[in-house]
Amino acid sequence: MSFKEDACDDFLNMFHSVKEKIRAFDGCNHLELLRDKNTPTIFITYSYWEDEEALESYRMSDLFRTTWAQTKTFFAAKPEAWSVEQEVVLG
């Protein structure tokens, strides 16, 4: 997520106010916030969910809707999101 320079502190305050609620959401196994070393206005939320159903349940929740509505006001560019799988290395 790319944020307006003057909105980074507001985003961080908001994130820190909800992070424990997200971590406690049913199906969330891990949540952390990463910040780009070279472009400090870029952040990544990195989370592990039990399964796709748990993630979708979170995305439909009031917690997500209110958090996302506030987060969107801070964006400098359209956000990107990925769902990935850990690759299994054989051998």
PDB file of N, CA and C in Angstrom:
ATOM      1  N   MET A   1       0.852  -1.160   0.000  1.00  0.00           N
ATOM      2  CA  MET A   1       0.000   0.000   0.000  1.00  0.00           C
ATOM      3  C   MET A   1       0.899   1.224   0.000  1.00  0.00           C
ATOM      4  N   SER A   2       0.595   2.156  -0.866  1.00  0.00           N
ATOM      5  CA  SER A   2       1.348   3.401  -0.963  1.00  0.00           C
ATOM      6  C   SER A   2       0.503   4.523  -0.366  1.00  0.00           C
ATOM      7  N   PHE A   3       1.077   5.226   0.617  1.00  0.00           N
ATOM      8  CA  PHE A   3       0.342   6.251   1.339  1.00  0.00           C
ATOM      9  C   PHE A   3       0.868   7.654   1.042  1.00  0.00           C
ATOM     10  N   LYS A   4      -0.023   8.623   1.181  1.00  0.00           N
ATOM     11  CA  LYS A   4       0.391  10.017   1.109  1.00  0.00           C
ATOM     12  C   LYS A   4       1.392  10.248   2.240  1.00  0.00           C
ATOM     13  N   GLU A   5       2.414  11.006   1.953  1.00  0.00           N
ATOM     14  CA  GLU A   5       3.479  11.221   2.940  1.00  0.00           C
ATOM     15  C   GLU A   5       2.945  11.752   4.265  1.00  0.00           C
ATOM     16  N   ASP A   6       2.012  12.678   4.182  1.00  0.00           N
ATOM     17  CA  ASP A   6       1.487  13.276   5.412  1.00  0.00           C
ATOM     18  C   ASP A   6       0.434  12.410   6.107  1.00  0.00           C
ATOM     19  N   ALA A   7       0.150  11.217   5.549  1.00  0.00           N
ATOM     20  CA  ALA A   7      -0.849  10.331   6.147  1.00  0.00           C
ATOM     21  C   ALA A   7      -0.229   9.103   6.821  1.00  0.00           C
ATOM     22  N   CYS A   8       1.077   8.933   6.719  1.00  0.00           N
ATOM     23  CA  CYS A   8       1.716   7.727   7.261  1.00  0.00           C
ATOM     24  C   CYS A   8       1.517   7.605   8.770  1.00  0.00           C
ATOM     25  N   ASP A   9       1.693   8.676   9.507  1.00  0.00           N
ATOM     26  CA  ASP A   9       1.509   8.608  10.957  1.00  0.00           C
ATOM     27  C   ASP A   9       0.062   8.287  11.314  1.00  0.00           C
ATOM     28  N   ASP A  10      -0.882   8.851  10.570  1.00  0.00           N
ATOM     29  CA  ASP A  10      -2.295   8.548  10.815  1.00  0.00           C
ATOM     30  C   ASP A  10      -2.578   7.078  10.547  1.00  0.00           C
ATOM     31  N   PHE A  11      -2.024   6.552   9.453  1.00  0.00           N
ATOM     32  CA  PHE A  11      -2.211   5.138   9.151  1.00  0.00           C
ATOM     33  C   PHE A  11      -1.609   4.269  10.256  1.00  0.00           C
ATOM     34  N   LEU A  12      -0.389   4.582  10.673  1.00  0.00           N
ATOM     35  CA  LEU A  12       0.264   3.787  11.721  1.00  0.00           C
ATOM     36  C   LEU A  12      -0.546   3.811  13.017  1.00  0.00           C
ATOM     37  N   ASN A  13      -1.041   4.954  13.395  1.00  0.00           N
ATOM     38  CA  ASN A  13      -1.860   5.045  14.609  1.00  0.00           C
ATOM     39  C   ASN A  13      -3.116   4.189  14.480  1.00  0.00           C
ATOM     40  N   MET A  14      -3.761   4.257  13.327  1.00  0.00           N
ATOM     41  CA  MET A  14      -4.965   3.474  13.094  1.00  0.00           C
ATOM     42  C   MET A  14      -4.641   1.988  13.117  1.00  0.00           C
ATOM     43  N   PHE A  15      -3.569   1.583  12.428  1.00  0.00           N
ATOM     44  CA  PHE A  15      -3.189   0.168  12.390  1.00  0.00           C
ATOM     45  C   PHE A  15      -2.916  -0.359  13.794  1.00  0.00           C
ATOM     46  N   HIS A  16      -2.144   0.386  14.555  1.00  0.00           N
ATOM     47  CA  HIS A  16      -1.807  -0.076  15.903  1.00  0.00           C
ATOM     48  C   HIS A  16      -3.036  -0.146  16.817  1.00  0.00           C
ATOM     49  N   SER A  17      -4.058   0.629  16.505  1.00  0.00           N
ATOM     50  CA  SER A  17      -5.278   0.589  17.318  1.00  0.00           C
ATOM     51  C   SER A  17      -6.150  -0.627  17.005  1.00  0.00           C
ATOM     52  N   VAL A  18      -5.975  -1.247  15.825  1.00  0.00           N
ATOM     53  CA  VAL A  18      -6.813  -2.394  15.440  1.00  0.00           C
ATOM     54  C   VAL A  18      -6.053  -3.700  15.279  1.00  0.00           C
ATOM     55  N   LYS A  19      -4.744  -3.681  15.307  1.00  0.00           N
ATOM     56  CA  LYS A  19      -3.968  -4.888  14.985  1.00  0.00           C
ATOM     57  C   LYS A  19      -4.300  -6.073  15.895  1.00  0.00           C
ATOM     58  N   GLU A  20      -4.511  -5.825  17.189  1.00  0.00           N
ATOM     59  CA  GLU A  20      -4.821  -6.941  18.086  1.00  0.00           C
ATOM     60  C   GLU A  20      -6.213  -7.502  17.814  1.00  0.00           C
ATOM     61  N   LYS A  21      -7.138  -6.662  17.377  1.00  0.00           N
ATOM     62  CA  LYS A  21      -8.467  -7.154  17.007  1.00  0.00           C
ATOM     63  C   LYS A  21      -8.388  -8.036  15.770  1.00  0.00           C
ATOM     64  N   ILE A  22      -7.557  -7.640  14.809  1.00  0.00           N
ATOM     65  CA  ILE A  22      -7.387  -8.453  13.603  1.00  0.00           C
ATOM     66  C   ILE A  22      -6.714  -9.769  13.968  1.00  0.00           C
ATOM     67  N   ARG A  23      -5.659  -9.697  14.776  1.00  0.00           N
ATOM     68  CA  ARG A  23      -4.961 -10.923  15.193  1.00  0.00           C
ATOM     69  C   ARG A  23      -5.877 -11.880  15.942  1.00  0.00           C
ATOM     70  N   ALA A  24      -6.853 -11.326  16.664  1.00  0.00           N
ATOM     71  CA  ALA A  24      -7.787 -12.151  17.440  1.00  0.00           C
ATOM     72  C   ALA A  24      -8.953 -12.663  16.598  1.00  0.00           C
ATOM     73  N   PHE A  25      -9.062 -12.197  15.363  1.00  0.00           N
ATOM     74  CA  PHE A  25     -10.169 -12.617  14.517  1.00  0.00           C
ATOM     75  C   PHE A  25     -10.053 -14.111  14.237  1.00  0.00           C
ATOM     76  N   ASP A  26     -11.171 -14.789  14.287  1.00  0.00           N
ATOM     77  CA  ASP A  26     -11.194 -16.235  14.080  1.00  0.00           C
ATOM     78  C   ASP A  26     -10.537 -16.599  12.746  1.00  0.00           C
ATOM     79  N   GLY A  27      -9.514 -17.423  12.809  1.00  0.00           N
ATOM     80  CA  GLY A  27      -8.830 -17.870  11.599  1.00  0.00           C
ATOM     81  C   GLY A  27      -7.544 -17.133  11.289  1.00  0.00           C
ATOM     82  N   CYS A  28      -7.274 -16.028  11.974  1.00  0.00           N
ATOM     83  CA  CYS A  28      -6.027 -15.300  11.738  1.00  0.00           C
ATOM     84  C   CYS A  28      -4.929 -15.934  12.590  1.00  0.00           C
ATOM     85  N   ASN A  29      -3.905 -16.425  11.934  1.00  0.00           N
ATOM     86  CA  ASN A  29      -2.791 -17.058  12.632  1.00  0.00           C
ATOM     87  C   ASN A  29      -1.593 -16.139  12.799  1.00  0.00           C
ATOM     88  N   HIS A  30      -1.527 -15.063  12.018  1.00  0.00           N
ATOM     89  CA  HIS A  30      -0.376 -14.158  12.081  1.00  0.00           C
ATOM     90  C   HIS A  30      -0.710 -12.866  11.338  1.00  0.00           C
ATOM     91  N   LEU A  31      -0.231 -11.750  11.877  1.00  0.00           N
ATOM     92  CA  LEU A  31      -0.371 -10.457  11.207  1.00  0.00           C
ATOM     93  C   LEU A  31       0.825  -9.601  11.578  1.00  0.00           C
ATOM     94  N   GLU A  32       1.455  -9.006  10.576  1.00  0.00           N
ATOM     95  CA  GLU A  32       2.511  -8.038  10.833  1.00  0.00           C
ATOM     96  C   GLU A  32       2.456  -6.943   9.780  1.00  0.00           C
ATOM     97  N   LEU A  33       3.066  -5.817  10.120  1.00  0.00           N
ATOM     98  CA  LEU A  33       3.135  -4.676   9.213  1.00  0.00           C
ATOM     99  C   LEU A  33       4.590  -4.468   8.834  1.00  0.00           C
ATOM    100  N   LEU A  34       4.850  -4.408   7.543  1.00  0.00           N
ATOM    101  CA  LEU A  34       6.197  -4.195   7.025  1.00  0.00           C
ATOM    102  C   LEU A  34       6.248  -2.837   6.333  1.00  0.00           C
ATOM    103  N   ARG A  35       7.430  -2.195   6.410  1.00  0.00           N
ATOM    104  CA  ARG A  35       7.614  -0.890   5.779  1.00  0.00           C
ATOM    105  C   ARG A  35       8.821  -0.949   4.857  1.00  0.00           C
ATOM    106  N   ASP A  36       8.666  -0.439   3.655  1.00  0.00           N
ATOM    107  CA  ASP A  36       9.749  -0.438   2.683  1.00  0.00           C
ATOM    108  C   ASP A  36      10.919   0.405   3.190  1.00  0.00           C
ATOM    109  N   LYS A  37      12.118  -0.145   3.120  1.00  0.00           N
ATOM    110  CA  LYS A  37      13.306   0.565   3.622  1.00  0.00           C
ATOM    111  C   LYS A  37      13.661   1.774   2.766  1.00  0.00           C
ATOM    112  N   ASN A  38      13.400   1.699   1.470  1.00  0.00           N
ATOM    113  CA  ASN A  38      13.802   2.768   0.554  1.00  0.00           C
ATOM    114  C   ASN A  38      12.700   3.774   0.266  1.00  0.00           C
ATOM    115  N   THR A  39      11.462   3.347   0.437  1.00  0.00           N
ATOM    116  CA  THR A  39      10.322   4.232   0.206  1.00  0.00           C
ATOM    117  C   THR A  39       9.409   4.113   1.425  1.00  0.00           C
ATOM    118  N   PRO A  40       9.634   4.949   2.434  1.00  0.00           N
ATOM    119  CA  PRO A  40       8.916   4.781   3.707  1.00  0.00           C
ATOM    120  C   PRO A  40       7.422   5.077   3.677  1.00  0.00           C
ATOM    121  N   THR A  41       6.896   5.419   2.532  1.00  0.00           N
ATOM    122  CA  THR A  41       5.453   5.606   2.402  1.00  0.00           C
ATOM    123  C   THR A  41       4.761   4.337   1.903  1.00  0.00           C
ATOM    124  N   ILE A  42       5.533   3.268   1.701  1.00  0.00           N
ATOM    125  CA  ILE A  42       4.982   1.992   1.250  1.00  0.00           C
ATOM    126  C   ILE A  42       4.993   1.002   2.404  1.00  0.00           C
ATOM    127  N   PHE A  43       3.817   0.398   2.652  1.00  0.00           N
ATOM    128  CA  PHE A  43       3.637  -0.582   3.716  1.00  0.00           C
ATOM    129  C   PHE A  43       3.019  -1.846   3.141  1.00  0.00           C
ATOM    130  N   ILE A  44       3.287  -2.959   3.809  1.00  0.00           N
ATOM    131  CA  ILE A  44       2.688  -4.238   3.444  1.00  0.00           C
ATOM    132  C   ILE A  44       2.148  -4.873   4.720  1.00  0.00           C
ATOM    133  N   THR A  45       0.902  -5.286   4.684  1.00  0.00           N
ATOM    134  CA  THR A  45       0.412  -6.125   5.771  1.00  0.00           C
ATOM    135  C   THR A  45       0.607  -7.560   5.319  1.00  0.00           C
ATOM    136  N   TYR A  46       1.182  -8.350   6.209  1.00  0.00           N
ATOM    137  CA  TYR A  46       1.512  -9.745   5.924  1.00  0.00           C
ATOM    138  C   TYR A  46       0.772 -10.589   6.943  1.00  0.00           C
ATOM    139  N   SER A  47      -0.119 -11.443   6.453  1.00  0.00           N
ATOM    140  CA  SER A  47      -0.930 -12.226   7.385  1.00  0.00           C
ATOM    141  C   SER A  47      -1.061 -13.659   6.912  1.00  0.00           C
ATOM    142  N   TYR A  48      -1.268 -14.558   7.883  1.00  0.00           N
ATOM    143  CA  TYR A  48      -1.547 -15.970   7.617  1.00  0.00           C
ATOM    144  C   TYR A  48      -2.963 -16.248   8.104  1.00  0.00           C
ATOM    145  N   TRP A  49      -3.740 -16.920   7.274  1.00  0.00           N
ATOM    146  CA  TRP A  49      -5.105 -17.290   7.633  1.00  0.00           C
ATOM    147  C   TRP A  49      -5.244 -18.792   7.530  1.00  0.00           C
ATOM    148  N   GLU A  50      -6.077 -19.361   8.386  1.00  0.00           N
ATOM    149  CA  GLU A  50      -6.275 -20.814   8.394  1.00  0.00           C
ATOM    150  C   GLU A  50      -6.640 -21.335   7.023  1.00  0.00           C
ATOM    151  N   ASP A  51      -7.527 -20.633   6.349  1.00  0.00           N
ATOM    152  CA  ASP A  51      -7.955 -21.036   5.022  1.00  0.00           C
ATOM    153  C   ASP A  51      -8.648 -19.857   4.349  1.00  0.00           C
ATOM    154  N   GLU A  52      -9.022 -20.060   3.113  1.00  0.00           N
ATOM    155  CA  GLU A  52      -9.672 -19.002   2.330  1.00  0.00           C
ATOM    156  C   GLU A  52     -10.990 -18.565   2.957  1.00  0.00           C
ATOM    157  N   GLU A  53     -11.704 -19.492   3.571  1.00  0.00           N
ATOM    158  CA  GLU A  53     -12.971 -19.162   4.222  1.00  0.00           C
ATOM    159  C   GLU A  53     -12.768 -18.200   5.390  1.00  0.00           C
ATOM    160  N   ALA A  54     -11.721 -18.406   6.169  1.00  0.00           N
ATOM    161  CA  ALA A  54     -11.430 -17.520   7.304  1.00  0.00           C
ATOM    162  C   ALA A  54     -11.091 -16.123   6.804  1.00  0.00           C
ATOM    163  N   LEU A  55     -10.290 -16.040   5.755  1.00  0.00           N
ATOM    164  CA  LEU A  55      -9.946 -14.731   5.186  1.00  0.00           C
ATOM    165  C   LEU A  55     -11.189 -14.043   4.640  1.00  0.00           C
ATOM    166  N   GLU A  56     -12.023 -14.782   3.941  1.00  0.00           N
ATOM    167  CA  GLU A  56     -13.244 -14.195   3.382  1.00  0.00           C
ATOM    168  C   GLU A  56     -14.193 -13.740   4.491  1.00  0.00           C
ATOM    169  N   SER A  57     -14.256 -14.486   5.567  1.00  0.00           N
ATOM    170  CA  SER A  57     -15.081 -14.093   6.710  1.00  0.00           C
ATOM    171  C   SER A  57     -14.586 -12.772   7.291  1.00  0.00           C
ATOM    172  N   TYR A  58     -13.274 -12.622   7.387  1.00  0.00           N
ATOM    173  CA  TYR A  58     -12.703 -11.349   7.852  1.00  0.00           C
ATOM    174  C   TYR A  58     -13.045 -10.222   6.888  1.00  0.00           C
ATOM    175  N   ARG A  59     -12.910 -10.470   5.608  1.00  0.00           N
ATOM    176  CA  ARG A  59     -13.191  -9.430   4.605  1.00  0.00           C
ATOM    177  C   ARG A  59     -14.654  -8.976   4.622  1.00  0.00           C
ATOM    178  N   MET A  60     -15.549  -9.820   5.098  1.00  0.00           N
ATOM    179  CA  MET A  60     -16.969  -9.484   5.185  1.00  0.00           C
ATOM    180  C   MET A  60     -17.343  -8.889   6.545  1.00  0.00           C
ATOM    181  N   SER A  61     -16.402  -8.796   7.449  1.00  0.00           N
ATOM    182  CA  SER A  61     -16.699  -8.353   8.810  1.00  0.00           C
ATOM    183  C   SER A  61     -16.778  -6.830   8.928  1.00  0.00           C
ATOM    184  N   ASP A  62     -17.460  -6.370   9.972  1.00  0.00           N
ATOM    185  CA  ASP A  62     -17.496  -4.934  10.271  1.00  0.00           C
ATOM    186  C   ASP A  62     -16.099  -4.413  10.582  1.00  0.00           C
ATOM    187  N   LEU A  63     -15.283  -5.232  11.237  1.00  0.00           N
ATOM    188  CA  LEU A  63     -13.910  -4.816  11.552  1.00  0.00           C
ATOM    189  C   LEU A  63     -13.152  -4.469  10.284  1.00  0.00           C
ATOM    190  N   PHE A  64     -13.204  -5.344   9.284  1.00  0.00           N
ATOM    191  CA  PHE A  64     -12.509  -5.056   8.025  1.00  0.00           C
ATOM    192  C   PHE A  64     -13.110  -3.840   7.334  1.00  0.00           C
ATOM    193  N   ARG A  65     -14.430  -3.806   7.240  1.00  0.00           N
ATOM    194  CA  ARG A  65     -15.087  -2.712   6.506  1.00  0.00           C
ATOM    195  C   ARG A  65     -14.740  -1.343   7.086  1.00  0.00           C
ATOM    196  N   THR A  66     -14.782  -1.218   8.402  1.00  0.00           N
ATOM    197  CA  THR A  66     -14.479   0.088   9.004  1.00  0.00           C
ATOM    198  C   THR A  66     -12.992   0.415   8.907  1.00  0.00           C
ATOM    199  N   THR A  67     -12.145  -0.598   9.104  1.00  0.00           N
ATOM    200  CA  THR A  67     -10.699  -0.380   8.997  1.00  0.00           C
ATOM    201  C   THR A  67     -10.314  -0.004   7.576  1.00  0.00           C
ATOM    202  N   TRP A  68     -10.851  -0.731   6.609  1.00  0.00           N
ATOM    203  CA  TRP A  68     -10.517  -0.473   5.208  1.00  0.00           C
ATOM    204  C   TRP A  68     -11.042   0.890   4.759  1.00  0.00           C
ATOM    205  N   ALA A  69     -12.221   1.259   5.196  1.00  0.00           N
ATOM    206  CA  ALA A  69     -12.778   2.575   4.838  1.00  0.00           C
ATOM    207  C   ALA A  69     -11.856   3.689   5.308  1.00  0.00           C
ATOM    208  N   GLN A  70     -11.337   3.553   6.506  1.00  0.00           N
ATOM    209  CA  GLN A  70     -10.413   4.574   7.015  1.00  0.00           C
ATOM    210  C   GLN A  70      -9.074   4.515   6.292  1.00  0.00           C
ATOM    211  N   THR A  71      -8.570   3.312   6.064  1.00  0.00           N
ATOM    212  CA  THR A  71      -7.278   3.147   5.393  1.00  0.00           C
ATOM    213  C   THR A  71      -7.296   3.766   4.004  1.00  0.00           C
ATOM    214  N   LYS A  72      -8.378   3.584   3.272  1.00  0.00           N
ATOM    215  CA  LYS A  72      -8.461   4.102   1.898  1.00  0.00           C
ATOM    216  C   LYS A  72      -8.272   5.612   1.825  1.00  0.00           C
ATOM    217  N   THR A  73      -8.609   6.317   2.883  1.00  0.00           N
ATOM    218  CA  THR A  73      -8.473   7.776   2.848  1.00  0.00           C
ATOM    219  C   THR A  73      -7.008   8.216   2.857  1.00  0.00           C
ATOM    220  N   PHE A  74      -6.113   7.315   3.213  1.00  0.00           N
ATOM    221  CA  PHE A  74      -4.684   7.642   3.314  1.00  0.00           C
ATOM    222  C   PHE A  74      -3.886   7.302   2.058  1.00  0.00           C
ATOM    223  N   PHE A  75      -4.478   6.589   1.099  1.00  0.00           N
ATOM    224  CA  PHE A  75      -3.739   6.089  -0.061  1.00  0.00           C
ATOM    225  C   PHE A  75      -3.264   7.190  -1.000  1.00  0.00           C
ATOM    226  N   ALA A  76      -2.065   6.971  -1.533  1.00  0.00           N
ATOM    227  CA  ALA A  76      -1.528   7.826  -2.589  1.00  0.00           C
ATOM    228  C   ALA A  76      -1.686   7.146  -3.951  1.00  0.00           C
ATOM    229  N   ALA A  77      -1.908   5.837  -3.938  1.00  0.00           N
ATOM    230  CA  ALA A  77      -2.064   5.057  -5.173  1.00  0.00           C
ATOM    231  C   ALA A  77      -2.976   3.873  -4.881  1.00  0.00           C
ATOM    232  N   LYS A  78      -3.469   3.276  -5.947  1.00  0.00           N
ATOM    233  CA  LYS A  78      -4.343   2.109  -5.794  1.00  0.00           C
ATOM    234  C   LYS A  78      -3.568   0.982  -5.101  1.00  0.00           C
ATOM    235  N   PRO A  79      -4.147   0.383  -4.069  1.00  0.00           N
ATOM    236  CA  PRO A  79      -3.438  -0.694  -3.365  1.00  0.00           C
ATOM    237  C   PRO A  79      -3.435  -1.993  -4.177  1.00  0.00           C
ATOM    238  N   GLU A  80      -2.494  -2.847  -3.870  1.00  0.00           N
ATOM    239  CA  GLU A  80      -2.425  -4.170  -4.476  1.00  0.00           C
ATOM    240  C   GLU A  80      -2.546  -5.203  -3.370  1.00  0.00           C
ATOM    241  N   ALA A  81      -3.118  -6.345  -3.707  1.00  0.00           N
ATOM    242  CA  ALA A  81      -3.244  -7.435  -2.740  1.00  0.00           C
ATOM    243  C   ALA A  81      -2.948  -8.745  -3.447  1.00  0.00           C
ATOM    244  N   TRP A  82      -2.316  -9.651  -2.722  1.00  0.00           N
ATOM    245  CA  TRP A  82      -2.003 -10.970  -3.246  1.00  0.00           C
ATOM    246  C   TRP A  82      -2.375 -12.020  -2.219  1.00  0.00           C
ATOM    247  N   SER A  83      -2.859 -13.145  -2.703  1.00  0.00           N
ATOM    248  CA  SER A  83      -3.001 -14.344  -1.883  1.00  0.00           C
ATOM    249  C   SER A  83      -2.013 -15.342  -2.462  1.00  0.00           C
ATOM    250  N   VAL A  84      -1.130 -15.831  -1.631  1.00  0.00           N
ATOM    251  CA  VAL A  84      -0.059 -16.697  -2.110  1.00  0.00           C
ATOM    252  C   VAL A  84      -0.034 -17.998  -1.323  1.00  0.00           C
ATOM    253  N   GLU A  85       0.650 -18.979  -1.887  1.00  0.00           N
ATOM    254  CA  GLU A  85       0.886 -20.249  -1.215  1.00  0.00           C
ATOM    255  C   GLU A  85       2.382 -20.424  -1.053  1.00  0.00           C
ATOM    256  N   GLN A  86       2.774 -21.054   0.026  1.00  0.00           N
ATOM    257  CA  GLN A  86       4.177 -21.358   0.215  1.00  0.00           C
ATOM    258  C   GLN A  86       4.528 -22.520  -0.695  1.00  0.00           C
ATOM    259  N   GLU A  87       5.568 -22.349  -1.468  1.00  0.00           N
ATOM    260  CA  GLU A  87       5.973 -23.405  -2.373  1.00  0.00           C
ATOM    261  C   GLU A  87       6.701 -24.497  -1.606  1.00  0.00           C
ATOM    262  N   VAL A  88       6.346 -25.718  -1.922  1.00  0.00           N
ATOM    263  CA  VAL A  88       6.986 -26.866  -1.293  1.00  0.00           C
ATOM    264  C   VAL A  88       8.198 -27.247  -2.134  1.00  0.00           C
ATOM    265  N   VAL A  89       9.350 -27.267  -1.499  1.00  0.00           N
ATOM    266  CA  VAL A  89      10.570 -27.638  -2.190  1.00  0.00           C
ATOM    267  C   VAL A  89      10.828 -29.119  -1.958  1.00  0.00           C
ATOM    268  N   LEU A  90      10.924 -29.856  -3.020  1.00  0.00           N
ATOM    269  CA  LEU A  90      11.160 -31.297  -2.916  1.00  0.00           C
ATOM    270  C   LEU A  90      12.653 -31.582  -2.887  1.00  0.00           C
ATOM    271  N   GLY A  91      13.010 -32.608  -2.171  1.00  0.00           N
ATOM    272  CA  GLY A  91      14.403 -33.040  -2.190  1.00  0.00           C
ATOM    273  C   GLY A  91      15.060 -32.843  -0.956  1.00  0.00           C
TER     274      GLY A  91
END
